[in-house]
Amino acid sequence: MFVCSCFGVTEAQVQQHAENGAGTPRQIASACKAGTDCGSCVRRIQAILGRGACPRRDLADQGRPVLAELEKFEEFEDLDEAA
């Protein structure tokens, strides 16, 4: 089944690129061009990669502060950028 009809990229190809380390739609695009023309396949690529859901939904469901967890994550990103 084609995920990207613009470049003829199949779901199996996207999964193979993901297994080889492509973890974002942008990395998939770099590997096979899927998602770089009309963009209609980007959501499907996100779904294949297991993205698109709220990553902190489990925190919200537990009543934990979601934004506080996000701020901690952003602090780590700032440290990575400084290195």
Protein backbone atom coordinates (compact mmCIF):
# COMPACT_ATOMS: atom_id res chain seq x y z
CA MET A 1 0.00 0.00 0.00
CA PHE A 2 1.34 3.42 -0.94
CA VAL A 3 1.83 5.97 1.79
CA CYS A 4 3.15 8.63 -0.57
CA SER A 5 1.67 8.51 -4.03
CA CYS A 6 3.78 11.47 -5.20
CA PHE A 7 7.00 9.43 -4.93
CA GLY A 8 5.59 5.89 -4.85
CA VAL A 9 6.72 5.18 -1.27
CA THR A 10 5.08 2.21 0.39
CA GLU A 11 4.24 1.61 4.02
CA ALA A 12 6.85 -1.16 4.08
CA GLN A 13 9.51 1.28 2.89
CA VAL A 14 8.60 3.81 5.59
CA GLN A 15 8.73 1.05 8.21
CA GLN A 16 12.13 -0.08 6.91
CA HIS A 17 13.51 3.46 7.15
CA ALA A 18 12.10 3.69 10.68
CA GLU A 19 13.81 0.42 11.61
CA ASN A 20 17.03 1.87 10.19
CA GLY A 21 16.80 4.84 12.55
CA ALA A 22 14.50 7.41 10.94
CA GLY A 23 12.30 8.50 13.83
CA THR A 24 10.61 11.63 12.51
CA PRO A 25 8.69 12.53 9.36
CA ARG A 26 11.58 14.81 8.41
CA GLN A 27 14.05 11.93 8.65
CA ILE A 28 11.73 9.76 6.58
CA ALA A 29 11.57 12.57 4.01
CA SER A 30 15.37 12.72 3.91
CA ALA A 31 15.52 8.98 3.34
CA CYS A 32 12.90 8.62 0.60
CA LYS A 33 11.26 12.01 -0.17
CA ALA A 34 7.89 10.93 1.25
CA GLY A 35 6.07 13.97 2.58
CA THR A 36 8.07 16.53 0.63
CA ASP A 37 5.69 17.23 -2.26
CA CYS A 38 2.00 17.67 -1.49
CA GLY A 39 2.33 16.73 2.19
CA SER A 40 -0.87 14.72 2.38
CA CYS A 41 1.02 11.64 3.60
CA VAL A 42 2.73 13.28 6.59
CA ARG A 43 -0.02 12.29 9.02
CA ARG A 44 0.14 8.70 7.80
CA ILE A 45 3.92 8.73 8.27
CA GLN A 46 3.42 10.07 11.80
CA ALA A 47 0.98 7.25 12.50
CA ILE A 48 3.43 4.64 11.19
CA LEU A 49 6.12 6.10 13.43
CA GLY A 50 3.73 6.02 16.38
CA ARG A 51 3.64 9.80 16.62
CA GLY A 52 0.78 12.23 16.62
CA ALA A 53 -0.69 11.17 19.93
CA CYS A 54 -0.21 13.41 22.93
CA PRO A 55 3.02 12.10 24.48
CA ARG A 56 2.12 13.44 27.90
CA ARG A 57 -1.48 12.24 27.84
CA ASP A 58 -0.71 9.61 30.47
CA LEU A 59 0.46 12.36 32.85
CA ALA A 60 -2.74 14.33 32.33
CA ASP A 61 -4.83 11.20 32.87
CA GLN A 62 -3.06 10.68 36.20
CA GLY A 63 -3.72 14.29 37.23
CA ARG A 64 -0.02 15.14 37.13
CA PRO A 65 1.18 18.56 35.91
CA VAL A 66 1.88 18.18 32.22
CA LEU A 67 3.49 21.58 31.67
CA ALA A 68 5.92 21.07 34.55
CA GLU A 69 7.13 17.88 32.87
CA LEU A 70 7.45 19.74 29.56
CA GLU A 71 9.53 22.48 31.20
CA LYS A 72 11.92 19.84 32.57
CA PHE A 73 12.28 18.40 29.07
CA GLU A 74 12.95 21.84 27.58
CA GLU A 75 15.69 22.44 30.20
CA PHE A 76 17.42 19.28 28.97
CA GLU A 77 17.13 20.46 25.37
CA ASP A 78 18.71 23.79 26.35
CA LEU A 79 21.61 21.91 27.92
CA ASP A 80 22.04 19.80 24.77
CA GLU A 81 22.13 22.92 22.60
CA ALA A 82 24.74 24.55 24.85
CA ALA A 83 27.07 21.55 24.54
